[in-house]
Amino acid sequence: MAKIVFAGTPDFSVSSLRALLGTEHEVVAVYTQPDRRAGRGRQPQPSPVKNAALAANVPVCQPESFRDEHALAELRSWQPDLMVVVAYGLLLPQAVLDIPRYGCVNVHASLLPRWRGAAPIQRAIEAGDTESGVCIMQMDKGLDTGPVWHRVSQAIDKNTTGEVLHDQLAATGAQALVDALPTIFEGSTSPQAQDDVGACYARKLKKEDAWIDWTRSAEAISYQIRAFNPVPIAQTRVEGETLRVWMAVPVDGPASVSVAPGTVLAESSDGVDVQTGDGVLRLLQLQPSGKRPMAVKDFINGRSLADKFLEAPL
């Protein structure tokens, strides 16, 4: 039985924590980011991982960083054999990587070396990838550059949103982690080094990424909309107001090079058809400012978009 320290913060991490708690190994401590202010009252809120750890009666540590000796000494005090890191949100210096007997392993939501970085789930869908997955990676000083112990693929289809892939990979990652532990502890084989030739970077999501550029193709915009559902949600503007787009699909339609991208070509209960830089995109689910997402048929009952022009902010 090994002593494991777990480090994670968001919902994605919880599945892996619970999977570890179900093994023969002992989770001696859980590290998660400090409580952050959230909600209308701006009160400090515990992370999903903290809630899960407390419910399982596992000690919780929340250092701001590992730059001071006190945080490093506390980590050493747990005498971990392994540290498992899943979307923790803090960079681990070499001093941390060197503490556990078997080092630190990371559950990363991509098929490395593709999509190293902070937002691999959304960037994979946004790029039109047809496959994603999870890698159990031995951590080194680089950004997701360590050798891989185990990998499991996951298909991305035309209905896969950021939320769907997030949930699939959270479950897949938890099982992949459990499956990889015997190999890691036995030491009978070595992890496989990554080939940097295929590496690409999944940069952190920003609010401006959500704005739709209608000069792009209908297919590319549909990828963006699926990738950013439910966060940060793709959006456009109509007559000065923000309009969020939750679902859309490219369709065959009477597109015309003489019509400016962003022009609404037609609307019906089936959807709102918009001219793009290449093809027609049918909007299926919309959210006006201050209201909940709704099907297009409900939206157009209260407001028509016929002949309107959709645009991004300047």
C-alpha atoms as a PDB file:
ATOM      1  CA  MET A   1       0.000   0.000   0.000  1.00  0.00           C
ATOM      2  CA  ALA A   2       1.381   3.369  -1.045  1.00  0.00           C
ATOM      3  CA  LYS A   3       0.930   6.786   0.524  1.00  0.00           C
ATOM      4  CA  ILE A   4      -0.512   9.188  -2.042  1.00  0.00           C
ATOM      5  CA  VAL A   5      -0.897  12.957  -1.940  1.00  0.00           C
ATOM      6  CA  PHE A   6      -3.587  14.201  -4.328  1.00  0.00           C
ATOM      7  CA  ALA A   7      -3.587  17.708  -5.848  1.00  0.00           C
ATOM      8  CA  GLY A   8      -6.570  19.065  -7.774  1.00  0.00           C
ATOM      9  CA  THR A   9      -9.160  21.802  -7.733  1.00  0.00           C
ATOM     10  CA  PRO A  10     -12.164  21.747 -10.160  1.00  0.00           C
ATOM     11  CA  ASP A  11     -14.939  19.237 -10.822  1.00  0.00           C
ATOM     12  CA  PHE A  12     -12.760  17.461 -13.373  1.00  0.00           C
ATOM     13  CA  SER A  13     -10.405  16.370 -10.572  1.00  0.00           C
ATOM     14  CA  VAL A  14     -13.045  14.883  -8.291  1.00  0.00           C
ATOM     15  CA  SER A  15     -13.506  11.650 -10.269  1.00  0.00           C
ATOM     16  CA  SER A  16      -9.802  10.835  -9.987  1.00  0.00           C
ATOM     17  CA  LEU A  17      -9.756  11.588  -6.255  1.00  0.00           C
ATOM     18  CA  ARG A  18     -12.717   9.316  -5.633  1.00  0.00           C
ATOM     19  CA  ALA A  19     -11.137   6.585  -7.749  1.00  0.00           C
ATOM     20  CA  LEU A  20      -7.956   6.747  -5.642  1.00  0.00           C
ATOM     21  CA  LEU A  21      -9.996   6.588  -2.438  1.00  0.00           C
ATOM     22  CA  GLY A  22     -11.446   3.330  -3.725  1.00  0.00           C
ATOM     23  CA  THR A  23      -8.048   1.656  -4.141  1.00  0.00           C
ATOM     24  CA  GLU A  24      -5.881  -0.152  -1.600  1.00  0.00           C
ATOM     25  CA  HIS A  25      -3.631   2.893  -1.376  1.00  0.00           C
ATOM     26  CA  GLU A  26      -3.891   5.592   1.282  1.00  0.00           C
ATOM     27  CA  VAL A  27      -4.633   9.181   0.267  1.00  0.00           C
ATOM     28  CA  VAL A  28      -2.827  10.882   3.149  1.00  0.00           C
ATOM     29  CA  ALA A  29      -3.586  14.472   2.117  1.00  0.00           C
ATOM     30  CA  VAL A  30      -5.352  16.503  -0.540  1.00  0.00           C
ATOM     31  CA  TYR A  31      -3.950  19.750  -1.919  1.00  0.00           C
ATOM     32  CA  THR A  32      -6.282  22.232  -3.571  1.00  0.00           C
ATOM     33  CA  GLN A  33      -6.296  25.943  -4.341  1.00  0.00           C
ATOM     34  CA  PRO A  34      -7.289  28.385  -1.581  1.00  0.00           C
ATOM     35  CA  ASP A  35     -10.988  29.209  -1.290  1.00  0.00           C
ATOM     36  CA  ARG A  36     -11.952  31.898  -3.821  1.00  0.00           C
ATOM     37  CA  ARG A  37     -14.694  34.482  -3.549  1.00  0.00           C
ATOM     38  CA  ALA A  38     -17.631  33.691  -5.815  1.00  0.00           C
ATOM     39  CA  GLY A  39     -21.373  34.206  -6.190  1.00  0.00           C
ATOM     40  CA  ARG A  40     -23.464  37.291  -5.544  1.00  0.00           C
ATOM     41  CA  GLY A  41     -22.274  37.618  -1.976  1.00  0.00           C
ATOM     42  CA  ARG A  42     -18.615  37.221  -3.014  1.00  0.00           C
ATOM     43  CA  GLN A  43     -18.054  34.850  -0.119  1.00  0.00           C
ATOM     44  CA  PRO A  44     -15.072  32.454  -0.075  1.00  0.00           C
ATOM     45  CA  GLN A  45     -16.100  29.166  -1.682  1.00  0.00           C
ATOM     46  CA  PRO A  46     -14.306  25.821  -1.294  1.00  0.00           C
ATOM     47  CA  SER A  47     -13.260  24.001  -4.430  1.00  0.00           C
ATOM     48  CA  PRO A  48     -15.091  20.832  -5.519  1.00  0.00           C
ATOM     49  CA  VAL A  49     -11.992  18.824  -4.571  1.00  0.00           C
ATOM     50  CA  LYS A  50     -11.940  20.307  -1.071  1.00  0.00           C
ATOM     51  CA  ASN A  51     -15.579  19.374  -0.574  1.00  0.00           C
ATOM     52  CA  ALA A  52     -14.911  15.815  -1.758  1.00  0.00           C
ATOM     53  CA  ALA A  53     -11.851  15.468   0.488  1.00  0.00           C
ATOM     54  CA  LEU A  54     -13.636  16.748   3.585  1.00  0.00           C
ATOM     55  CA  ALA A  55     -16.544  14.393   2.910  1.00  0.00           C
ATOM     56  CA  ALA A  56     -14.031  11.521   2.898  1.00  0.00           C
ATOM     57  CA  ASN A  57     -12.277  12.810   6.052  1.00  0.00           C
ATOM     58  CA  VAL A  58      -8.983  13.416   4.238  1.00  0.00           C
ATOM     59  CA  PRO A  59      -6.772  16.298   5.472  1.00  0.00           C
ATOM     60  CA  VAL A  60      -6.809  19.326   3.161  1.00  0.00           C
ATOM     61  CA  CYS A  61      -3.898  21.697   2.469  1.00  0.00           C
ATOM     62  CA  GLN A  62      -4.314  24.974   0.550  1.00  0.00           C
ATOM     63  CA  PRO A  63      -0.979  26.762   0.076  1.00  0.00           C
ATOM     64  CA  GLU A  64      -0.899  29.847  -2.117  1.00  0.00           C
ATOM     65  CA  SER A  65       2.244  28.445  -3.752  1.00  0.00           C
ATOM     66  CA  PHE A  66       5.236  26.205  -3.122  1.00  0.00           C
ATOM     67  CA  ARG A  67       7.746  29.041  -3.160  1.00  0.00           C
ATOM     68  CA  ASP A  68       8.324  29.032   0.608  1.00  0.00           C
ATOM     69  CA  GLU A  69       9.983  26.399   2.767  1.00  0.00           C
ATOM     70  CA  HIS A  70       6.936  26.017   5.024  1.00  0.00           C
ATOM     71  CA  ALA A  71       4.804  24.647   2.176  1.00  0.00           C
ATOM     72  CA  LEU A  72       7.577  22.280   1.105  1.00  0.00           C
ATOM     73  CA  ALA A  73       8.120  21.095   4.698  1.00  0.00           C
ATOM     74  CA  GLU A  74       4.398  20.388   5.069  1.00  0.00           C
ATOM     75  CA  LEU A  75       4.419  18.311   1.886  1.00  0.00           C
ATOM     76  CA  ARG A  76       7.459  16.355   3.093  1.00  0.00           C
ATOM     77  CA  SER A  77       5.720  15.651   6.391  1.00  0.00           C
ATOM     78  CA  TRP A  78       3.185  13.422   4.632  1.00  0.00           C
ATOM     79  CA  GLN A  79       6.035  11.190   3.429  1.00  0.00           C
ATOM     80  CA  PRO A  80       4.283  10.505   0.116  1.00  0.00           C
ATOM     81  CA  ASP A  81       5.261   7.704  -2.189  1.00  0.00           C
ATOM     82  CA  LEU A  82       3.449   9.417  -5.077  1.00  0.00           C
ATOM     83  CA  MET A  83       1.759  12.732  -5.789  1.00  0.00           C
ATOM     84  CA  VAL A  84      -1.160  12.643  -8.231  1.00  0.00           C
ATOM     85  CA  VAL A  85      -1.959  15.971  -9.901  1.00  0.00           C
ATOM     86  CA  VAL A  86      -5.234  16.595 -11.754  1.00  0.00           C
ATOM     87  CA  ALA A  87      -6.009  20.177 -12.852  1.00  0.00           C
ATOM     88  CA  TYR A  88      -4.473  21.584  -9.676  1.00  0.00           C
ATOM     89  CA  GLY A  89      -3.880  25.062 -11.076  1.00  0.00           C
ATOM     90  CA  LEU A  90      -0.494  25.706  -9.432  1.00  0.00           C
ATOM     91  CA  LEU A  91       2.908  25.206 -11.017  1.00  0.00           C
ATOM     92  CA  LEU A  92       5.008  22.620  -9.203  1.00  0.00           C
ATOM     93  CA  PRO A  93       8.710  23.485  -8.912  1.00  0.00           C
ATOM     94  CA  GLN A  94      11.381  20.810  -9.116  1.00  0.00           C
ATOM     95  CA  ALA A  95      11.608  20.830  -5.315  1.00  0.00           C
ATOM     96  CA  VAL A  96       8.044  19.450  -5.184  1.00  0.00           C
ATOM     97  CA  LEU A  97       8.582  16.918  -7.973  1.00  0.00           C
ATOM     98  CA  ASP A  98      11.546  15.515  -6.036  1.00  0.00           C
ATOM     99  CA  ILE A  99       9.697  14.884  -2.757  1.00  0.00           C
ATOM    100  CA  PRO A 100       7.581  11.764  -3.481  1.00  0.00           C
ATOM    101  CA  ARG A 101       9.441   8.468  -3.828  1.00  0.00           C
ATOM    102  CA  TYR A 102       7.875   7.843  -7.255  1.00  0.00           C
ATOM    103  CA  GLY A 103       7.664  11.500  -8.205  1.00  0.00           C
ATOM    104  CA  CYS A 104       4.493  13.215  -9.437  1.00  0.00           C
ATOM    105  CA  VAL A 105       2.085  12.003 -12.110  1.00  0.00           C
ATOM    106  CA  ASN A 106      -0.509  14.063 -13.922  1.00  0.00           C
ATOM    107  CA  VAL A 107      -3.881  13.101 -15.392  1.00  0.00           C
ATOM    108  CA  HIS A 108      -3.915  15.236 -18.550  1.00  0.00           C
ATOM    109  CA  ALA A 109      -6.999  15.584 -20.766  1.00  0.00           C
ATOM    110  CA  SER A 110      -5.426  15.158 -24.196  1.00  0.00           C
ATOM    111  CA  LEU A 111      -3.413  12.700 -26.267  1.00  0.00           C
ATOM    112  CA  LEU A 112      -0.005  14.206 -25.588  1.00  0.00           C
ATOM    113  CA  PRO A 113       1.984  15.763 -27.133  1.00  0.00           C
ATOM    114  CA  ARG A 114      -1.105  17.289 -28.762  1.00  0.00           C
ATOM    115  CA  TRP A 115      -2.683  20.021 -26.631  1.00  0.00           C
ATOM    116  CA  ARG A 116      -0.245  20.654 -23.861  1.00  0.00           C
ATOM    117  CA  GLY A 117      -1.431  23.459 -21.617  1.00  0.00           C
ATOM    118  CA  ALA A 118      -4.430  24.810 -19.751  1.00  0.00           C
ATOM    119  CA  ALA A 119      -7.451  24.171 -22.006  1.00  0.00           C
ATOM    120  CA  PRO A 120      -6.925  20.915 -23.935  1.00  0.00           C
ATOM    121  CA  ILE A 121     -10.596  19.905 -23.941  1.00  0.00           C
ATOM    122  CA  GLN A 122     -11.909  23.083 -25.539  1.00  0.00           C
ATOM    123  CA  ARG A 123      -8.990  23.535 -27.938  1.00  0.00           C
ATOM    124  CA  ALA A 124      -9.368  20.014 -29.304  1.00  0.00           C
ATOM    125  CA  ILE A 125     -13.023  20.584 -30.220  1.00  0.00           C
ATOM    126  CA  GLU A 126     -12.335  24.109 -31.486  1.00  0.00           C
ATOM    127  CA  ALA A 127      -9.667  22.741 -33.837  1.00  0.00           C
ATOM    128  CA  GLY A 128     -12.039  20.149 -35.273  1.00  0.00           C
ATOM    129  CA  ASP A 129     -10.166  17.164 -33.844  1.00  0.00           C
ATOM    130  CA  THR A 130     -12.024  13.870 -34.174  1.00  0.00           C
ATOM    131  CA  GLU A 131     -10.207  12.304 -31.228  1.00  0.00           C
ATOM    132  CA  SER A 132      -9.098  13.299 -27.758  1.00  0.00           C
ATOM    133  CA  GLY A 133      -8.247  11.270 -24.685  1.00  0.00           C
ATOM    134  CA  VAL A 134      -6.338  11.097 -21.421  1.00  0.00           C
ATOM    135  CA  CYS A 135      -2.662  10.575 -20.647  1.00  0.00           C
ATOM    136  CA  ILE A 136      -1.150   9.556 -17.322  1.00  0.00           C
ATOM    137  CA  MET A 137       2.110  11.480 -17.473  1.00  0.00           C
ATOM    138  CA  GLN A 138       5.202  11.500 -15.276  1.00  0.00           C
ATOM    139  CA  MET A 139       5.714  15.169 -14.483  1.00  0.00           C
ATOM    140  CA  ASP A 140       8.954  16.995 -15.195  1.00  0.00           C
ATOM    141  CA  LYS A 141       9.963  20.661 -15.121  1.00  0.00           C
ATOM    142  CA  GLY A 142       8.393  21.343 -18.544  1.00  0.00           C
ATOM    143  CA  LEU A 143       4.771  22.160 -19.363  1.00  0.00           C
ATOM    144  CA  ASP A 144       3.128  18.762 -19.932  1.00  0.00           C
ATOM    145  CA  THR A 145       6.335  17.477 -21.506  1.00  0.00           C
ATOM    146  CA  GLY A 146       6.951  14.412 -19.311  1.00  0.00           C
ATOM    147  CA  PRO A 147       6.908  10.789 -20.468  1.00  0.00           C
ATOM    148  CA  VAL A 148       3.556   8.982 -20.619  1.00  0.00           C
ATOM    149  CA  TRP A 149       2.701   5.860 -18.610  1.00  0.00           C
ATOM    150  CA  HIS A 150      -0.727   5.188 -20.054  1.00  0.00           C
ATOM    151  CA  ARG A 151      -3.098   6.714 -22.619  1.00  0.00           C
ATOM    152  CA  VAL A 152      -6.753   6.151 -23.484  1.00  0.00           C
ATOM    153  CA  SER A 153      -8.459   7.704 -26.522  1.00  0.00           C
ATOM    154  CA  GLN A 154     -11.950   9.201 -26.736  1.00  0.00           C
ATOM    155  CA  ALA A 155     -13.833   9.968 -29.959  1.00  0.00           C
ATOM    156  CA  ILE A 156     -15.121  13.482 -30.669  1.00  0.00           C
ATOM    157  CA  ASP A 157     -18.216  13.557 -32.873  1.00  0.00           C
ATOM    158  CA  LYS A 158     -20.445  16.306 -34.254  1.00  0.00           C
ATOM    159  CA  ASN A 159     -22.509  16.374 -31.060  1.00  0.00           C
ATOM    160  CA  THR A 160     -19.592  16.587 -28.619  1.00  0.00           C
ATOM    161  CA  THR A 161     -19.594  19.824 -26.628  1.00  0.00           C
ATOM    162  CA  GLY A 162     -17.010  21.035 -24.158  1.00  0.00           C
ATOM    163  CA  GLU A 163     -19.238  19.840 -21.327  1.00  0.00           C
ATOM    164  CA  VAL A 164     -19.744  16.377 -22.827  1.00  0.00           C
ATOM    165  CA  LEU A 165     -16.024  15.824 -23.462  1.00  0.00           C
ATOM    166  CA  HIS A 166     -15.153  17.185 -19.999  1.00  0.00           C
ATOM    167  CA  ASP A 167     -17.403  14.629 -18.327  1.00  0.00           C
ATOM    168  CA  GLN A 168     -16.221  11.780 -20.554  1.00  0.00           C
ATOM    169  CA  LEU A 169     -12.549  12.498 -19.919  1.00  0.00           C
ATOM    170  CA  ALA A 170     -13.034  12.997 -16.181  1.00  0.00           C
ATOM    171  CA  ALA A 171     -14.401   9.450 -15.953  1.00  0.00           C
ATOM    172  CA  THR A 172     -11.868   8.047 -18.430  1.00  0.00           C
ATOM    173  CA  GLY A 173      -8.998   9.742 -16.604  1.00  0.00           C
ATOM    174  CA  ALA A 174     -10.036   8.333 -13.238  1.00  0.00           C
ATOM    175  CA  GLN A 175     -10.043   4.782 -14.579  1.00  0.00           C
ATOM    176  CA  ALA A 176      -6.814   5.297 -16.528  1.00  0.00           C
ATOM    177  CA  LEU A 177      -5.122   6.528 -13.344  1.00  0.00           C
ATOM    178  CA  VAL A 178      -6.144   3.441 -11.385  1.00  0.00           C
ATOM    179  CA  ASP A 179      -5.046   1.191 -14.256  1.00  0.00           C
ATOM    180  CA  ALA A 180      -1.630   2.890 -14.421  1.00  0.00           C
ATOM    181  CA  LEU A 181      -0.752   2.703 -10.711  1.00  0.00           C
ATOM    182  CA  PRO A 182       0.518  -0.921 -10.690  1.00  0.00           C
ATOM    183  CA  THR A 183       2.897  -0.202 -13.566  1.00  0.00           C
ATOM    184  CA  ILE A 184       4.165   2.952 -11.868  1.00  0.00           C
ATOM    185  CA  PHE A 185       4.817   1.246  -8.544  1.00  0.00           C
ATOM    186  CA  GLU A 186       6.262  -1.986  -9.979  1.00  0.00           C
ATOM    187  CA  GLY A 187       8.834  -0.151 -12.065  1.00  0.00           C
ATOM    188  CA  SER A 188       9.069  -3.064 -14.487  1.00  0.00           C
ATOM    189  CA  THR A 189       8.677  -0.761 -17.486  1.00  0.00           C
ATOM    190  CA  SER A 190       9.404   2.879 -18.231  1.00  0.00           C
ATOM    191  CA  PRO A 191       7.024   5.617 -19.444  1.00  0.00           C
ATOM    192  CA  GLN A 192       7.190   6.529 -23.126  1.00  0.00           C
ATOM    193  CA  ALA A 193       8.867   9.806 -24.029  1.00  0.00           C
ATOM    194  CA  GLN A 194       6.788  12.310 -25.996  1.00  0.00           C
ATOM    195  CA  ASP A 195       7.646  13.253 -29.550  1.00  0.00           C
ATOM    196  CA  ASP A 196       7.923  17.049 -29.534  1.00  0.00           C
ATOM    197  CA  VAL A 197       7.342  17.145 -33.302  1.00  0.00           C
ATOM    198  CA  GLY A 198       3.582  16.754 -32.794  1.00  0.00           C
ATOM    199  CA  ALA A 199       3.304  19.161 -29.872  1.00  0.00           C
ATOM    200  CA  CYS A 200       0.845  22.039 -29.803  1.00  0.00           C
ATOM    201  CA  TYR A 201      -0.257  24.409 -27.052  1.00  0.00           C
ATOM    202  CA  ALA A 202      -3.764  24.721 -25.593  1.00  0.00           C
ATOM    203  CA  ARG A 203      -3.687  28.276 -24.335  1.00  0.00           C
ATOM    204  CA  LYS A 204      -5.909  29.353 -21.458  1.00  0.00           C
ATOM    205  CA  LEU A 205      -9.437  30.440 -22.358  1.00  0.00           C
ATOM    206  CA  LYS A 206     -10.068  34.180 -22.515  1.00  0.00           C
ATOM    207  CA  LYS A 207     -13.353  36.092 -22.751  1.00  0.00           C
ATOM    208  CA  GLU A 208     -12.439  37.446 -26.164  1.00  0.00           C
ATOM    209  CA  ASP A 209     -12.166  33.887 -27.498  1.00  0.00           C
ATOM    210  CA  ALA A 210     -15.945  33.637 -27.202  1.00  0.00           C
ATOM    211  CA  TRP A 211     -16.714  36.279 -29.821  1.00  0.00           C
ATOM    212  CA  ILE A 212     -17.787  34.859 -33.168  1.00  0.00           C
ATOM    213  CA  ASP A 213     -15.969  36.074 -36.270  1.00  0.00           C
ATOM    214  CA  TRP A 214     -18.559  35.591 -39.008  1.00  0.00           C
ATOM    215  CA  THR A 215     -15.922  35.842 -41.743  1.00  0.00           C
ATOM    216  CA  ARG A 216     -14.731  32.370 -40.732  1.00  0.00           C
ATOM    217  CA  SER A 217     -16.339  29.256 -42.175  1.00  0.00           C
ATOM    218  CA  ALA A 218     -19.608  27.802 -40.890  1.00  0.00           C
ATOM    219  CA  GLU A 219     -17.758  24.635 -39.934  1.00  0.00           C
ATOM    220  CA  ALA A 220     -15.073  26.468 -37.939  1.00  0.00           C
ATOM    221  CA  ILE A 221     -17.670  28.561 -36.099  1.00  0.00           C
ATOM    222  CA  SER A 222     -19.671  25.431 -35.257  1.00  0.00           C
ATOM    223  CA  TYR A 223     -16.523  23.947 -33.679  1.00  0.00           C
ATOM    224  CA  GLN A 224     -16.063  27.111 -31.635  1.00  0.00           C
ATOM    225  CA  ILE A 225     -19.660  27.043 -30.395  1.00  0.00           C
ATOM    226  CA  ARG A 226     -19.446  23.384 -29.325  1.00  0.00           C
ATOM    227  CA  ALA A 227     -16.033  23.881 -27.708  1.00  0.00           C
ATOM    228  CA  PHE A 228     -17.177  26.813 -25.576  1.00  0.00           C
ATOM    229  CA  ASN A 229     -20.424  25.201 -24.392  1.00  0.00           C
ATOM    230  CA  PRO A 230     -20.910  25.713 -21.440  1.00  0.00           C
ATOM    231  CA  VAL A 231     -17.876  27.983 -20.814  1.00  0.00           C
ATOM    232  CA  PRO A 232     -17.280  30.712 -21.885  1.00  0.00           C
ATOM    233  CA  ILE A 233     -20.190  30.435 -24.420  1.00  0.00           C
ATOM    234  CA  ALA A 234     -19.779  31.729 -27.963  1.00  0.00           C
ATOM    235  CA  GLN A 235     -21.414  35.093 -28.512  1.00  0.00           C
ATOM    236  CA  THR A 236     -22.215  37.746 -31.055  1.00  0.00           C
ATOM    237  CA  ARG A 237     -23.981  41.093 -31.085  1.00  0.00           C
ATOM    238  CA  VAL A 238     -27.209  42.202 -32.724  1.00  0.00           C
ATOM    239  CA  GLU A 239     -28.301  45.838 -32.696  1.00  0.00           C
ATOM    240  CA  GLY A 240     -25.851  46.574 -29.884  1.00  0.00           C
ATOM    241  CA  GLU A 241     -26.958  43.718 -27.612  1.00  0.00           C
ATOM    242  CA  THR A 242     -25.005  40.576 -26.740  1.00  0.00           C
ATOM    243  CA  LEU A 243     -26.497  37.300 -27.954  1.00  0.00           C
ATOM    244  CA  ARG A 244     -25.010  34.011 -26.794  1.00  0.00           C
ATOM    245  CA  VAL A 245     -25.060  30.996 -29.092  1.00  0.00           C
ATOM    246  CA  TRP A 246     -25.238  27.597 -27.388  1.00  0.00           C
ATOM    247  CA  MET A 247     -25.882  25.314 -30.356  1.00  0.00           C
ATOM    248  CA  ALA A 248     -25.496  25.608 -34.130  1.00  0.00           C
ATOM    249  CA  VAL A 249     -24.816  23.415 -37.160  1.00  0.00           C
ATOM    250  CA  PRO A 250     -23.580  24.080 -40.711  1.00  0.00           C
ATOM    251  CA  VAL A 251     -26.304  23.543 -43.315  1.00  0.00           C
ATOM    252  CA  ASP A 252     -26.680  23.520 -47.064  1.00  0.00           C
ATOM    253  CA  GLY A 253     -28.314  26.776 -47.986  1.00  0.00           C
ATOM    254  CA  PRO A 254     -28.551  29.576 -50.526  1.00  0.00           C
ATOM    255  CA  ALA A 255     -25.284  31.229 -49.488  1.00  0.00           C
ATOM    256  CA  SER A 256     -24.140  34.111 -51.647  1.00  0.00           C
ATOM    257  CA  VAL A 257     -20.786  35.840 -51.983  1.00  0.00           C
ATOM    258  CA  SER A 258     -22.722  39.087 -52.375  1.00  0.00           C
ATOM    259  CA  VAL A 259     -24.108  38.836 -48.820  1.00  0.00           C
ATOM    260  CA  ALA A 260     -21.927  40.070 -45.980  1.00  0.00           C
ATOM    261  CA  PRO A 261     -20.899  37.485 -43.376  1.00  0.00           C
ATOM    262  CA  GLY A 262     -23.110  37.848 -40.291  1.00  0.00           C
ATOM    263  CA  THR A 263     -26.277  38.535 -42.276  1.00  0.00           C
ATOM    264  CA  VAL A 264     -29.356  36.576 -41.188  1.00  0.00           C
ATOM    265  CA  LEU A 265     -30.659  34.857 -44.313  1.00  0.00           C
ATOM    266  CA  ALA A 266     -33.771  33.180 -42.925  1.00  0.00           C
ATOM    267  CA  GLU A 267     -35.459  32.176 -39.685  1.00  0.00           C
ATOM    268  CA  SER A 268     -37.994  29.502 -38.765  1.00  0.00           C
ATOM    269  CA  SER A 269     -38.758  27.117 -35.950  1.00  0.00           C
ATOM    270  CA  ASP A 270     -35.935  24.953 -37.332  1.00  0.00           C
ATOM    271  CA  GLY A 271     -33.310  27.622 -36.745  1.00  0.00           C
ATOM    272  CA  VAL A 272     -31.807  30.953 -37.733  1.00  0.00           C
ATOM    273  CA  ASP A 273     -29.607  30.739 -40.839  1.00  0.00           C
ATOM    274  CA  VAL A 274     -26.606  33.083 -40.925  1.00  0.00           C
ATOM    275  CA  GLN A 275     -24.216  33.778 -43.788  1.00  0.00           C
ATOM    276  CA  THR A 276     -20.572  33.114 -42.873  1.00  0.00           C
ATOM    277  CA  GLY A 277     -17.325  33.592 -44.750  1.00  0.00           C
ATOM    278  CA  ASP A 278     -17.826  30.106 -46.178  1.00  0.00           C
ATOM    279  CA  GLY A 279     -21.251  28.480 -45.952  1.00  0.00           C
ATOM    280  CA  VAL A 280     -24.368  28.900 -43.857  1.00  0.00           C
ATOM    281  CA  LEU A 281     -24.609  28.307 -40.104  1.00  0.00           C
ATOM    282  CA  ARG A 282     -27.960  27.439 -38.526  1.00  0.00           C
ATOM    283  CA  LEU A 283     -28.357  28.697 -34.955  1.00  0.00           C
ATOM    284  CA  LEU A 284     -30.397  26.304 -32.810  1.00  0.00           C
ATOM    285  CA  GLN A 285     -30.179  27.580 -29.231  1.00  0.00           C
ATOM    286  CA  LEU A 286     -29.788  31.220 -28.214  1.00  0.00           C
ATOM    287  CA  GLN A 287     -29.534  33.244 -25.024  1.00  0.00           C
ATOM    288  CA  PRO A 288     -30.459  36.940 -24.965  1.00  0.00           C
ATOM    289  CA  SER A 289     -28.868  39.168 -22.328  1.00  0.00           C
ATOM    290  CA  GLY A 290     -30.398  38.639 -18.899  1.00  0.00           C
ATOM    291  CA  LYS A 291     -32.355  35.536 -19.927  1.00  0.00           C
ATOM    292  CA  ARG A 292     -31.897  31.788 -20.002  1.00  0.00           C
ATOM    293  CA  PRO A 293     -30.840  29.775 -23.066  1.00  0.00           C
ATOM    294  CA  MET A 294     -33.793  28.876 -25.270  1.00  0.00           C
ATOM    295  CA  ALA A 295     -34.603  26.995 -28.452  1.00  0.00           C
ATOM    296  CA  VAL A 296     -34.756  29.207 -31.538  1.00  0.00           C
ATOM    297  CA  LYS A 297     -38.496  28.625 -31.943  1.00  0.00           C
ATOM    298  CA  ASP A 298     -39.043  30.191 -28.515  1.00  0.00           C
ATOM    299  CA  PHE A 299     -36.597  33.006 -29.189  1.00  0.00           C
ATOM    300  CA  ILE A 300     -38.217  34.131 -32.443  1.00  0.00           C
ATOM    301  CA  ASN A 301     -41.652  34.098 -30.819  1.00  0.00           C
ATOM    302  CA  GLY A 302     -40.486  37.154 -28.899  1.00  0.00           C
ATOM    303  CA  ARG A 303     -38.005  38.693 -31.294  1.00  0.00           C
ATOM    304  CA  SER A 304     -37.309  38.376 -34.982  1.00  0.00           C
ATOM    305  CA  LEU A 305     -33.775  38.249 -36.362  1.00  0.00           C
ATOM    306  CA  ALA A 306     -34.876  38.285 -40.007  1.00  0.00           C
ATOM    307  CA  ASP A 307     -32.596  40.491 -42.136  1.00  0.00           C
ATOM    308  CA  LYS A 308     -30.581  41.491 -39.041  1.00  0.00           C
ATOM    309  CA  PHE A 309     -26.779  41.682 -39.031  1.00  0.00           C
ATOM    310  CA  LEU A 310     -24.740  39.808 -36.404  1.00  0.00           C
ATOM    311  CA  GLU A 311     -21.341  41.110 -35.501  1.00  0.00           C
ATOM    312  CA  ALA A 312     -18.486  40.921 -32.986  1.00  0.00           C
ATOM    313  CA  PRO A 313     -17.468  43.962 -30.891  1.00  0.00           C
ATOM    314  CA  LEU A 314     -14.867  46.333 -32.303  1.00  0.00           C
END
